[in-house]
Amino acid sequence: MKLIIFDMDGTLINSGNIIANTINHVRTNTGLSKLSKECLLENINNPHINSAKFFYGTDQFTKQHTQLFEQYYEQNYEKEIVLYDGIKKLLARLHKDFILTIATNANTTFAIQMTQHLDIYKYFQKIVGANMVVKSKPDPEMLHLIIDEFKYQKKNTILVGDSDKDRLAASNANIDFLAVNWGFTPNKKSIQTIKELEDKLYLWDKNG
């Protein structure tokens, strides 16, 4: 069985509303005006910006930012997240033939709670969040952590994601990558449908 590592936000879960609303909650509680959802989601996975500077005007995230973010997120995520259409059926099929894991720049606790709430946690053998590594994506550290734990060769591992951070993380880890189009950074060259993603994963498995 080969190893599939999924990004979470924008790949499995449509969490755009909670992410945008939470960032704006932090902004308004630190004296800043709201930004549009489109602007926030276009930049949430931008590997070329200082996220703290862009979203909050500081060189790095502060304890206040973290507390405000986590407090609002935990209180509101359940009513603001949904699975992308077809994801649950896809995971139900894939988990019979692959080892499924998640590497997310979200906090591991939130990732576990979100996947449990949406009834897909049972399909994953490992979830690694940003709090479990020193550097999150596009750094390959969390991908290496998963690969090392399952003792997999990189040629038998693939990352599925929606963003440039995912693409760069896969490249930095020297593993295969598939990009999906339904996330926060749509790209016409990316995979357009769940059926196409399933077909490409089984083709990758067969040709590997």
N, C-alpha and C. Protein backbone atom coordinates (compact mmCIF):
# COMPACT_ATOMS: atom_id res chain seq x y z
N MET A 1 0.84 -1.20 0.00
CA MET A 1 0.00 0.00 0.00
C MET A 1 0.87 1.25 0.00
N LYS A 2 0.59 2.14 -0.93
CA LYS A 2 1.36 3.38 -1.00
C LYS A 2 0.76 4.43 -0.05
N LEU A 3 1.55 5.49 0.16
CA LEU A 3 1.21 6.50 1.16
C LEU A 3 0.73 7.78 0.48
N ILE A 4 -0.50 8.21 0.81
CA ILE A 4 -1.03 9.49 0.33
C ILE A 4 -1.08 10.46 1.51
N ILE A 5 -0.47 11.62 1.33
CA ILE A 5 -0.53 12.70 2.32
C ILE A 5 -1.45 13.78 1.76
N PHE A 6 -2.52 14.08 2.46
CA PHE A 6 -3.44 15.13 2.04
C PHE A 6 -3.19 16.42 2.82
N ASP A 7 -3.21 17.54 2.10
CA ASP A 7 -3.43 18.81 2.76
C ASP A 7 -4.88 18.79 3.25
N MET A 8 -5.24 19.64 4.21
CA MET A 8 -6.60 19.62 4.75
C MET A 8 -7.45 20.79 4.23
N ASP A 9 -7.12 22.02 4.66
CA ASP A 9 -7.91 23.19 4.28
C ASP A 9 -7.76 23.48 2.79
N GLY A 10 -8.88 23.55 2.09
CA GLY A 10 -8.83 23.83 0.67
C GLY A 10 -8.65 22.60 -0.19
N THR A 11 -8.43 21.46 0.44
CA THR A 11 -8.27 20.20 -0.29
C THR A 11 -9.35 19.20 0.11
N LEU A 12 -9.47 18.95 1.40
CA LEU A 12 -10.52 18.08 1.91
C LEU A 12 -11.70 18.88 2.44
N ILE A 13 -11.38 19.95 3.15
CA ILE A 13 -12.40 20.73 3.86
C ILE A 13 -12.47 22.14 3.30
N ASN A 14 -13.70 22.58 3.02
CA ASN A 14 -13.92 23.97 2.62
C ASN A 14 -14.06 24.79 3.90
N SER A 15 -12.95 25.35 4.31
CA SER A 15 -12.90 26.11 5.57
C SER A 15 -12.65 27.59 5.31
N GLY A 16 -12.95 28.05 4.10
CA GLY A 16 -12.69 29.44 3.75
C GLY A 16 -13.40 30.43 4.64
N ASN A 17 -14.66 30.14 4.99
CA ASN A 17 -15.42 31.09 5.81
C ASN A 17 -14.83 31.23 7.20
N ILE A 18 -14.51 30.10 7.86
CA ILE A 18 -13.99 30.19 9.22
C ILE A 18 -12.61 30.83 9.24
N ILE A 19 -11.78 30.54 8.23
CA ILE A 19 -10.45 31.15 8.19
C ILE A 19 -10.56 32.66 8.02
N ALA A 20 -11.36 33.10 7.06
CA ALA A 20 -11.51 34.54 6.82
C ALA A 20 -12.14 35.24 8.02
N ASN A 21 -13.18 34.66 8.58
CA ASN A 21 -13.85 35.28 9.72
C ASN A 21 -12.95 35.34 10.95
N THR A 22 -12.13 34.31 11.13
CA THR A 22 -11.24 34.29 12.29
C THR A 22 -10.14 35.33 12.16
N ILE A 23 -9.53 35.42 10.98
CA ILE A 23 -8.50 36.44 10.77
C ILE A 23 -9.08 37.84 10.97
N ASN A 24 -10.28 38.08 10.44
CA ASN A 24 -10.90 39.38 10.62
C ASN A 24 -11.29 39.64 12.07
N HIS A 25 -11.62 38.60 12.81
CA HIS A 25 -11.87 38.75 14.25
C HIS A 25 -10.60 39.22 14.96
N VAL A 26 -9.47 38.62 14.61
CA VAL A 26 -8.20 39.05 15.19
C VAL A 26 -7.90 40.49 14.80
N ARG A 27 -8.10 40.81 13.54
CA ARG A 27 -7.81 42.17 13.05
C ARG A 27 -8.66 43.22 13.79
N THR A 28 -9.94 42.98 13.89
CA THR A 28 -10.81 43.98 14.52
C THR A 28 -10.55 44.12 16.01
N ASN A 29 -10.03 43.06 16.62
CA ASN A 29 -9.71 43.13 18.05
C ASN A 29 -8.29 43.62 18.32
N THR A 30 -7.57 43.94 17.26
CA THR A 30 -6.24 44.54 17.42
C THR A 30 -6.16 45.88 16.68
N GLY A 31 -7.31 46.49 16.47
CA GLY A 31 -7.35 47.85 15.92
C GLY A 31 -7.24 47.96 14.42
N LEU A 32 -7.45 46.85 13.69
CA LEU A 32 -7.34 46.89 12.23
C LEU A 32 -8.72 46.70 11.60
N SER A 33 -8.86 47.16 10.37
CA SER A 33 -10.12 46.99 9.65
C SER A 33 -10.17 45.60 9.00
N LYS A 34 -11.37 45.18 8.64
CA LYS A 34 -11.52 43.88 8.01
C LYS A 34 -10.98 43.90 6.58
N LEU A 35 -10.52 42.73 6.13
CA LEU A 35 -10.15 42.52 4.74
C LEU A 35 -11.18 41.61 4.08
N SER A 36 -11.31 41.68 2.77
CA SER A 36 -12.28 40.84 2.09
C SER A 36 -11.88 39.38 2.17
N LYS A 37 -12.87 38.51 2.12
CA LYS A 37 -12.61 37.08 2.14
C LYS A 37 -11.71 36.69 0.98
N GLU A 38 -11.95 37.27 -0.19
CA GLU A 38 -11.15 36.95 -1.36
C GLU A 38 -9.68 37.29 -1.14
N CYS A 39 -9.43 38.45 -0.59
CA CYS A 39 -8.06 38.87 -0.32
C CYS A 39 -7.38 37.93 0.68
N LEU A 40 -8.09 37.57 1.72
CA LEU A 40 -7.52 36.71 2.76
C LEU A 40 -7.19 35.33 2.22
N LEU A 41 -8.12 34.74 1.46
CA LEU A 41 -7.89 33.38 0.97
C LEU A 41 -6.86 33.33 -0.14
N GLU A 42 -6.76 34.41 -0.92
CA GLU A 42 -5.73 34.46 -1.96
C GLU A 42 -4.33 34.45 -1.36
N ASN A 43 -4.21 34.94 -0.13
CA ASN A 43 -2.88 35.09 0.48
C ASN A 43 -2.60 34.14 1.63
N ILE A 44 -3.58 33.36 2.06
CA ILE A 44 -3.37 32.50 3.22
C ILE A 44 -2.28 31.46 2.96
N ASN A 45 -2.15 31.05 1.70
CA ASN A 45 -1.12 30.05 1.35
C ASN A 45 -0.04 30.62 0.46
N ASN A 46 0.12 31.93 0.49
CA ASN A 46 1.15 32.58 -0.32
C ASN A 46 2.52 32.38 0.34
N PRO A 47 3.42 31.62 -0.28
CA PRO A 47 4.71 31.35 0.35
C PRO A 47 5.69 32.52 0.26
N HIS A 48 5.31 33.57 -0.44
CA HIS A 48 6.23 34.68 -0.70
C HIS A 48 5.99 35.90 0.18
N ILE A 49 5.09 35.78 1.16
CA ILE A 49 4.81 36.91 2.04
C ILE A 49 5.10 36.54 3.49
N ASN A 50 5.30 37.55 4.31
CA ASN A 50 5.33 37.38 5.75
C ASN A 50 3.87 37.45 6.21
N SER A 51 3.32 36.31 6.60
CA SER A 51 1.89 36.25 6.92
C SER A 51 1.52 37.16 8.08
N ALA A 52 2.35 37.21 9.11
CA ALA A 52 2.07 38.08 10.25
C ALA A 52 2.03 39.54 9.82
N LYS A 53 2.95 39.93 8.97
CA LYS A 53 3.00 41.31 8.48
C LYS A 53 1.78 41.61 7.61
N PHE A 54 1.44 40.68 6.72
CA PHE A 54 0.34 40.91 5.79
C PHE A 54 -1.00 40.98 6.52
N PHE A 55 -1.25 40.03 7.42
CA PHE A 55 -2.56 39.95 8.06
C PHE A 55 -2.71 40.87 9.26
N TYR A 56 -1.61 41.09 10.00
CA TYR A 56 -1.74 41.81 11.26
C TYR A 56 -0.77 42.98 11.43
N GLY A 57 0.10 43.20 10.46
CA GLY A 57 0.99 44.35 10.50
C GLY A 57 2.12 44.23 11.50
N THR A 58 2.47 42.99 11.89
CA THR A 58 3.57 42.77 12.83
C THR A 58 4.59 41.82 12.21
N ASP A 59 5.81 41.88 12.68
CA ASP A 59 6.86 41.04 12.09
C ASP A 59 6.65 39.56 12.36
N GLN A 60 6.00 39.25 13.47
CA GLN A 60 5.70 37.86 13.79
C GLN A 60 4.39 37.78 14.57
N PHE A 61 3.79 36.61 14.58
CA PHE A 61 2.55 36.44 15.32
C PHE A 61 2.81 36.58 16.82
N THR A 62 1.93 37.28 17.51
CA THR A 62 2.07 37.49 18.94
C THR A 62 1.19 36.51 19.71
N LYS A 63 1.39 36.47 21.01
CA LYS A 63 0.56 35.64 21.87
C LYS A 63 -0.90 36.07 21.78
N GLN A 64 -1.13 37.38 21.68
CA GLN A 64 -2.50 37.89 21.55
C GLN A 64 -3.15 37.40 20.26
N HIS A 65 -2.40 37.43 19.16
CA HIS A 65 -2.93 36.93 17.89
C HIS A 65 -3.36 35.48 18.02
N THR A 66 -2.49 34.68 18.61
CA THR A 66 -2.76 33.25 18.75
C THR A 66 -3.98 33.00 19.62
N GLN A 67 -4.08 33.70 20.73
CA GLN A 67 -5.20 33.51 21.65
C GLN A 67 -6.52 33.92 21.01
N LEU A 68 -6.53 35.07 20.34
CA LEU A 68 -7.74 35.54 19.68
C LEU A 68 -8.16 34.57 18.57
N PHE A 69 -7.17 34.13 17.80
CA PHE A 69 -7.45 33.22 16.68
C PHE A 69 -8.04 31.91 17.19
N GLU A 70 -7.36 31.27 18.14
CA GLU A 70 -7.78 29.96 18.61
C GLU A 70 -9.12 30.02 19.33
N GLN A 71 -9.36 31.09 20.07
CA GLN A 71 -10.61 31.23 20.81
C GLN A 71 -11.80 31.33 19.85
N TYR A 72 -11.68 32.20 18.85
CA TYR A 72 -12.79 32.37 17.91
C TYR A 72 -12.97 31.11 17.07
N TYR A 73 -11.86 30.54 16.60
CA TYR A 73 -11.91 29.36 15.73
C TYR A 73 -12.61 28.21 16.43
N GLU A 74 -12.21 27.94 17.66
CA GLU A 74 -12.77 26.80 18.38
C GLU A 74 -14.26 26.97 18.65
N GLN A 75 -14.68 28.20 18.86
CA GLN A 75 -16.10 28.47 19.16
C GLN A 75 -16.99 28.43 17.92
N ASN A 76 -16.41 28.57 16.73
CA ASN A 76 -17.23 28.78 15.55
C ASN A 76 -17.01 27.80 14.39
N TYR A 77 -15.94 26.98 14.44
CA TYR A 77 -15.61 26.20 13.25
C TYR A 77 -16.68 25.19 12.86
N GLU A 78 -17.38 24.61 13.84
CA GLU A 78 -18.33 23.55 13.52
C GLU A 78 -19.44 24.01 12.58
N LYS A 79 -19.86 25.25 12.72
CA LYS A 79 -20.96 25.74 11.88
C LYS A 79 -20.48 26.39 10.59
N GLU A 80 -19.15 26.45 10.38
CA GLU A 80 -18.63 27.15 9.22
C GLU A 80 -17.77 26.30 8.29
N ILE A 81 -17.68 25.00 8.56
CA ILE A 81 -16.87 24.13 7.68
C ILE A 81 -17.74 23.05 7.06
N VAL A 82 -17.39 22.67 5.84
CA VAL A 82 -18.05 21.56 5.15
C VAL A 82 -17.00 20.80 4.35
N LEU A 83 -17.29 19.56 4.03
CA LEU A 83 -16.43 18.80 3.13
C LEU A 83 -16.73 19.24 1.69
N TYR A 84 -15.72 19.23 0.85
CA TYR A 84 -15.98 19.41 -0.57
C TYR A 84 -16.78 18.21 -1.07
N ASP A 85 -17.67 18.46 -2.00
CA ASP A 85 -18.54 17.40 -2.53
C ASP A 85 -17.72 16.22 -3.04
N GLY A 86 -18.07 15.03 -2.57
CA GLY A 86 -17.43 13.82 -3.04
C GLY A 86 -16.22 13.37 -2.25
N ILE A 87 -15.73 14.19 -1.34
CA ILE A 87 -14.52 13.85 -0.59
C ILE A 87 -14.72 12.63 0.30
N LYS A 88 -15.84 12.56 0.99
CA LYS A 88 -16.04 11.45 1.92
C LYS A 88 -16.09 10.12 1.19
N LYS A 89 -16.79 10.07 0.05
CA LYS A 89 -16.85 8.83 -0.73
C LYS A 89 -15.48 8.47 -1.28
N LEU A 90 -14.72 9.49 -1.69
CA LEU A 90 -13.37 9.24 -2.20
C LEU A 90 -12.50 8.62 -1.12
N LEU A 91 -12.51 9.19 0.09
CA LEU A 91 -11.69 8.67 1.18
C LEU A 91 -12.10 7.24 1.55
N ALA A 92 -13.40 6.98 1.52
CA ALA A 92 -13.89 5.64 1.84
C ALA A 92 -13.34 4.60 0.87
N ARG A 93 -13.17 4.99 -0.39
CA ARG A 93 -12.60 4.08 -1.38
C ARG A 93 -11.08 3.98 -1.22
N LEU A 94 -10.42 5.13 -1.09
CA LEU A 94 -8.96 5.14 -1.07
C LEU A 94 -8.38 4.42 0.14
N HIS A 95 -9.05 4.52 1.28
CA HIS A 95 -8.42 3.98 2.49
C HIS A 95 -8.33 2.46 2.46
N LYS A 96 -9.01 1.82 1.52
CA LYS A 96 -8.90 0.36 1.36
C LYS A 96 -7.62 -0.03 0.62
N ASP A 97 -7.06 0.91 -0.13
CA ASP A 97 -5.92 0.60 -1.00
C ASP A 97 -4.65 1.41 -0.69
N PHE A 98 -4.78 2.44 0.15
CA PHE A 98 -3.64 3.31 0.47
C PHE A 98 -3.60 3.59 1.96
N ILE A 99 -2.43 3.97 2.44
CA ILE A 99 -2.33 4.58 3.77
C ILE A 99 -2.61 6.06 3.60
N LEU A 100 -3.60 6.58 4.31
CA LEU A 100 -4.00 7.98 4.19
C LEU A 100 -3.57 8.76 5.43
N THR A 101 -2.97 9.93 5.19
CA THR A 101 -2.52 10.81 6.28
C THR A 101 -2.83 12.25 5.91
N ILE A 102 -2.67 13.14 6.87
CA ILE A 102 -2.88 14.58 6.65
C ILE A 102 -1.66 15.34 7.15
N ALA A 103 -1.21 16.31 6.35
CA ALA A 103 -0.19 17.28 6.76
C ALA A 103 -0.80 18.66 6.57
N THR A 104 -1.05 19.36 7.66
CA THR A 104 -1.76 20.63 7.60
C THR A 104 -1.03 21.71 8.38
N ASN A 105 -1.11 22.93 7.88
CA ASN A 105 -0.52 24.05 8.61
C ASN A 105 -1.43 24.54 9.73
N ALA A 106 -2.56 23.88 9.90
CA ALA A 106 -3.42 24.16 11.04
C ALA A 106 -2.88 23.45 12.28
N ASN A 107 -3.39 23.82 13.43
CA ASN A 107 -3.05 23.15 14.68
C ASN A 107 -3.58 21.72 14.65
N THR A 108 -2.80 20.78 15.15
CA THR A 108 -3.19 19.37 15.12
C THR A 108 -4.51 19.13 15.85
N THR A 109 -4.69 19.76 16.99
CA THR A 109 -5.92 19.58 17.76
C THR A 109 -7.13 20.00 16.94
N PHE A 110 -7.04 21.17 16.29
CA PHE A 110 -8.14 21.62 15.45
C PHE A 110 -8.37 20.65 14.29
N ALA A 111 -7.29 20.17 13.69
CA ALA A 111 -7.42 19.25 12.56
C ALA A 111 -8.14 17.97 12.97
N ILE A 112 -7.79 17.45 14.12
CA ILE A 112 -8.47 16.24 14.62
C ILE A 112 -9.93 16.53 14.90
N GLN A 113 -10.21 17.64 15.57
CA GLN A 113 -11.60 18.00 15.88
C GLN A 113 -12.43 18.20 14.62
N MET A 114 -11.84 18.86 13.61
CA MET A 114 -12.57 19.13 12.36
C MET A 114 -12.86 17.84 11.61
N THR A 115 -11.88 16.95 11.50
CA THR A 115 -12.10 15.70 10.78
C THR A 115 -13.05 14.79 11.54
N GLN A 116 -13.03 14.83 12.86
CA GLN A 116 -14.00 14.07 13.64
C GLN A 116 -15.41 14.62 13.43
N HIS A 117 -15.54 15.92 13.47
CA HIS A 117 -16.85 16.57 13.29
C HIS A 117 -17.45 16.22 11.93
N LEU A 118 -16.60 16.13 10.90
CA LEU A 118 -17.07 15.85 9.54
C LEU A 118 -17.05 14.36 9.21
N ASP A 119 -16.75 13.53 10.20
CA ASP A 119 -16.80 12.08 10.11
C ASP A 119 -15.85 11.51 9.05
N ILE A 120 -14.63 12.07 8.98
CA ILE A 120 -13.61 11.48 8.10
C ILE A 120 -12.34 11.11 8.87
N TYR A 121 -12.31 11.40 10.15
CA TYR A 121 -11.12 11.10 10.96
C TYR A 121 -10.74 9.62 10.88
N LYS A 122 -11.74 8.75 10.78
CA LYS A 122 -11.53 7.29 10.78
C LYS A 122 -10.71 6.81 9.59
N TYR A 123 -10.60 7.62 8.55
CA TYR A 123 -9.88 7.20 7.36
C TYR A 123 -8.38 7.46 7.42
N PHE A 124 -7.93 8.21 8.42
CA PHE A 124 -6.53 8.64 8.45
C PHE A 124 -5.74 7.95 9.55
N GLN A 125 -4.55 7.51 9.19
CA GLN A 125 -3.69 6.83 10.15
C GLN A 125 -2.75 7.80 10.88
N LYS A 126 -2.64 9.03 10.38
CA LYS A 126 -1.77 10.02 11.02
C LYS A 126 -2.21 11.42 10.59
N ILE A 127 -2.27 12.35 11.54
CA ILE A 127 -2.52 13.76 11.24
C ILE A 127 -1.41 14.57 11.89
N VAL A 128 -0.69 15.32 11.05
CA VAL A 128 0.41 16.16 11.55
C VAL A 128 0.06 17.61 11.27
N GLY A 129 0.02 18.41 12.35
CA GLY A 129 -0.25 19.84 12.24
C GLY A 129 1.00 20.66 12.49
N ALA A 130 0.85 21.98 12.31
CA ALA A 130 2.00 22.87 12.38
C ALA A 130 2.66 22.87 13.76
N ASN A 131 1.88 22.60 14.81
CA ASN A 131 2.44 22.62 16.16
C ASN A 131 3.35 21.43 16.44
N MET A 132 3.38 20.45 15.53
CA MET A 132 4.21 19.26 15.74
C MET A 132 5.58 19.39 15.08
N VAL A 133 5.81 20.47 14.38
CA VAL A 133 7.09 20.66 13.68
C VAL A 133 7.63 22.06 13.97
N VAL A 134 8.90 22.25 13.67
CA VAL A 134 9.51 23.57 13.83
C VAL A 134 9.09 24.48 12.70
N LYS A 135 9.08 23.94 11.48
CA LYS A 135 8.71 24.72 10.30
C LYS A 135 7.59 24.01 9.55
N SER A 136 6.53 24.76 9.23
CA SER A 136 5.40 24.19 8.51
C SER A 136 5.61 24.34 7.00
N LYS A 137 4.67 23.82 6.21
CA LYS A 137 4.78 23.92 4.75
C LYS A 137 4.92 25.39 4.33
N PRO A 138 5.80 25.70 3.37
CA PRO A 138 6.40 24.82 2.37
C PRO A 138 7.64 24.05 2.81
N ASP A 139 8.07 24.19 4.06
CA ASP A 139 9.16 23.35 4.54
C ASP A 139 8.69 21.89 4.53
N PRO A 140 9.55 20.95 4.22
CA PRO A 140 9.13 19.54 4.11
C PRO A 140 9.11 18.79 5.43
N GLU A 141 9.33 19.47 6.56
CA GLU A 141 9.51 18.76 7.83
C GLU A 141 8.34 17.85 8.17
N MET A 142 7.10 18.33 8.02
CA MET A 142 5.97 17.48 8.41
C MET A 142 5.78 16.31 7.45
N LEU A 143 6.17 16.49 6.20
CA LEU A 143 6.11 15.38 5.25
C LEU A 143 7.15 14.32 5.62
N HIS A 144 8.35 14.77 5.96
CA HIS A 144 9.39 13.84 6.39
C HIS A 144 8.98 13.09 7.66
N LEU A 145 8.30 13.78 8.57
CA LEU A 145 7.85 13.15 9.81
C LEU A 145 6.92 11.98 9.50
N ILE A 146 5.99 12.20 8.58
CA ILE A 146 5.05 11.13 8.21
C ILE A 146 5.77 10.00 7.48
N ILE A 147 6.59 10.34 6.51
CA ILE A 147 7.32 9.34 5.73
C ILE A 147 8.20 8.48 6.65
N ASP A 148 8.88 9.13 7.57
CA ASP A 148 9.77 8.40 8.49
C ASP A 148 8.98 7.48 9.42
N GLU A 149 7.84 7.95 9.89
CA GLU A 149 7.06 7.13 10.82
C GLU A 149 6.58 5.84 10.16
N PHE A 150 6.14 5.96 8.92
CA PHE A 150 5.65 4.77 8.22
C PHE A 150 6.75 4.03 7.47
N LYS A 151 7.98 4.58 7.55
CA LYS A 151 9.14 3.94 6.91
C LYS A 151 8.91 3.70 5.42
N TYR A 152 8.41 4.75 4.77
CA TYR A 152 8.11 4.65 3.35
C TYR A 152 9.21 5.26 2.51
N GLN A 153 9.39 4.70 1.32
CA GLN A 153 10.28 5.32 0.35
C GLN A 153 9.55 6.50 -0.29
N LYS A 154 10.32 7.53 -0.62
CA LYS A 154 9.69 8.72 -1.17
C LYS A 154 8.99 8.44 -2.49
N LYS A 155 9.49 7.48 -3.27
CA LYS A 155 8.87 7.17 -4.56
C LYS A 155 7.47 6.56 -4.38
N ASN A 156 7.17 6.10 -3.18
CA ASN A 156 5.87 5.51 -2.89
C ASN A 156 4.97 6.44 -2.09
N THR A 157 5.29 7.74 -2.13
CA THR A 157 4.54 8.73 -1.35
C THR A 157 4.13 9.89 -2.26
N ILE A 158 2.92 10.38 -2.06
CA ILE A 158 2.43 11.51 -2.85
C ILE A 158 1.68 12.48 -1.95
N LEU A 159 1.79 13.76 -2.25
CA LEU A 159 1.04 14.80 -1.54
C LEU A 159 -0.05 15.32 -2.45
N VAL A 160 -1.25 15.48 -1.90
CA VAL A 160 -2.38 16.09 -2.62
C VAL A 160 -2.73 17.39 -1.92
N GLY A 161 -2.68 18.50 -2.66
CA GLY A 161 -2.95 19.80 -2.06
C GLY A 161 -3.50 20.79 -3.06
N ASP A 162 -3.74 22.01 -2.58
CA ASP A 162 -4.36 23.02 -3.44
C ASP A 162 -3.51 24.27 -3.61
N SER A 163 -2.36 24.35 -2.98
CA SER A 163 -1.65 25.63 -2.93
C SER A 163 -0.19 25.52 -3.34
N ASP A 164 0.42 26.69 -3.55
CA ASP A 164 1.85 26.74 -3.84
C ASP A 164 2.67 26.23 -2.66
N LYS A 165 2.19 26.45 -1.44
CA LYS A 165 2.90 25.92 -0.28
C LYS A 165 2.96 24.40 -0.33
N ASP A 166 1.87 23.78 -0.74
CA ASP A 166 1.84 22.32 -0.87
C ASP A 166 2.79 21.86 -1.97
N ARG A 167 2.72 22.53 -3.11
CA ARG A 167 3.58 22.17 -4.24
C ARG A 167 5.05 22.27 -3.86
N LEU A 168 5.41 23.36 -3.20
CA LEU A 168 6.79 23.55 -2.80
C LEU A 168 7.22 22.55 -1.73
N ALA A 169 6.31 22.24 -0.81
CA ALA A 169 6.64 21.26 0.24
C ALA A 169 6.93 19.90 -0.38
N ALA A 170 6.11 19.50 -1.36
CA ALA A 170 6.34 18.22 -2.04
C ALA A 170 7.67 18.23 -2.78
N SER A 171 7.96 19.33 -3.46
CA SER A 171 9.22 19.46 -4.18
C SER A 171 10.40 19.40 -3.22
N ASN A 172 10.28 20.11 -2.09
CA ASN A 172 11.35 20.13 -1.09
C ASN A 172 11.55 18.76 -0.43
N ALA A 173 10.48 17.97 -0.38
CA ALA A 173 10.59 16.62 0.19
C ALA A 173 10.94 15.58 -0.86
N ASN A 174 10.96 16.01 -2.12
CA ASN A 174 11.28 15.12 -3.24
C ASN A 174 10.28 13.98 -3.37
N ILE A 175 8.97 14.35 -3.26
CA ILE A 175 7.91 13.37 -3.48
C ILE A 175 6.96 13.89 -4.56
N ASP A 176 6.12 13.01 -5.07
CA ASP A 176 5.16 13.40 -6.10
C ASP A 176 4.08 14.31 -5.54
N PHE A 177 3.42 15.04 -6.44
CA PHE A 177 2.41 16.01 -6.02
C PHE A 177 1.28 16.06 -7.02
N LEU A 178 0.05 16.13 -6.51
CA LEU A 178 -1.13 16.39 -7.33
C LEU A 178 -1.84 17.61 -6.77
N ALA A 179 -2.15 18.57 -7.67
CA ALA A 179 -2.83 19.81 -7.27
C ALA A 179 -4.30 19.74 -7.64
N VAL A 180 -5.18 20.14 -6.72
CA VAL A 180 -6.62 20.19 -6.99
C VAL A 180 -7.06 21.64 -7.17
N ASN A 181 -8.13 21.81 -7.91
CA ASN A 181 -8.55 23.15 -8.34
C ASN A 181 -9.64 23.76 -7.47
N TRP A 182 -10.20 23.00 -6.52
CA TRP A 182 -11.38 23.50 -5.81
C TRP A 182 -11.03 24.21 -4.51
N GLY A 183 -9.76 24.46 -4.25
CA GLY A 183 -9.37 25.07 -2.99
C GLY A 183 -9.30 26.58 -3.03
N PHE A 184 -8.37 27.15 -2.25
CA PHE A 184 -8.27 28.60 -2.09
C PHE A 184 -7.49 29.26 -3.21
N THR A 185 -6.72 28.48 -3.98
CA THR A 185 -5.91 29.04 -5.06
C THR A 185 -6.18 28.28 -6.35
N PRO A 186 -7.35 28.48 -6.95
CA PRO A 186 -7.73 27.75 -8.16
C PRO A 186 -6.73 27.94 -9.30
N ASN A 187 -6.53 26.87 -10.04
CA ASN A 187 -5.62 26.88 -11.18
C ASN A 187 -6.21 25.97 -12.25
N LYS A 188 -6.42 26.50 -13.44
CA LYS A 188 -7.05 25.73 -14.50
C LYS A 188 -6.26 24.49 -14.89
N LYS A 189 -4.96 24.49 -14.59
CA LYS A 189 -4.11 23.35 -14.93
C LYS A 189 -4.20 22.25 -13.87
N SER A 190 -4.87 22.53 -12.77
CA SER A 190 -4.97 21.56 -11.68
C SER A 190 -6.12 20.59 -11.93
N ILE A 191 -6.21 19.58 -11.09
CA ILE A 191 -7.28 18.58 -11.19
C ILE A 191 -8.62 19.24 -10.92
N GLN A 192 -9.59 18.97 -11.78
CA GLN A 192 -10.86 19.69 -11.74
C GLN A 192 -11.96 18.97 -10.95
N THR A 193 -11.90 17.65 -10.87
CA THR A 193 -12.99 16.89 -10.26
C THR A 193 -12.46 15.80 -9.34
N ILE A 194 -13.32 15.34 -8.44
CA ILE A 194 -12.97 14.24 -7.55
C ILE A 194 -12.67 12.97 -8.35
N LYS A 195 -13.46 12.72 -9.39
CA LYS A 195 -13.23 11.54 -10.23
C LYS A 195 -11.86 11.58 -10.89
N GLU A 196 -11.46 12.76 -11.37
CA GLU A 196 -10.15 12.90 -11.97
C GLU A 196 -9.04 12.65 -10.95
N LEU A 197 -9.23 13.14 -9.73
CA LEU A 197 -8.24 12.91 -8.67
C LEU A 197 -8.13 11.42 -8.37
N GLU A 198 -9.25 10.75 -8.23
CA GLU A 198 -9.23 9.31 -7.96
C GLU A 198 -8.50 8.55 -9.07
N ASP A 199 -8.83 8.88 -10.31
CA ASP A 199 -8.20 8.20 -11.44
C ASP A 199 -6.69 8.42 -11.46
N LYS A 200 -6.26 9.65 -11.17
CA LYS A 200 -4.83 9.96 -11.20
C LYS A 200 -4.09 9.24 -10.06
N LEU A 201 -4.73 9.13 -8.91
CA LEU A 201 -4.09 8.43 -7.79
C LEU A 201 -3.92 6.94 -8.08
N TYR A 202 -4.92 6.32 -8.67
CA TYR A 202 -4.79 4.90 -8.99
C TYR A 202 -3.85 4.67 -10.15
N LEU A 203 -3.77 5.64 -11.07
CA LEU A 203 -2.79 5.55 -12.17
C LEU A 203 -1.38 5.69 -11.61
N TRP A 204 -1.19 6.61 -10.69
CA TRP A 204 0.11 6.77 -10.01
C TRP A 204 0.50 5.49 -9.28
N ASP A 205 -0.46 4.88 -8.62
CA ASP A 205 -0.21 3.64 -7.90
C ASP A 205 0.19 2.53 -8.86
N LYS A 206 -0.51 2.43 -9.97
CA LYS A 206 -0.25 1.38 -10.96
C LYS A 206 1.10 1.56 -11.63
N ASN A 207 1.44 2.80 -11.96
CA ASN A 207 2.67 3.06 -12.70
C ASN A 207 3.91 3.10 -11.81
N GLY A 208 3.68 3.21 -10.50
CA GLY A 208 4.82 3.32 -9.59
C GLY A 208 5.53 2.01 -9.39
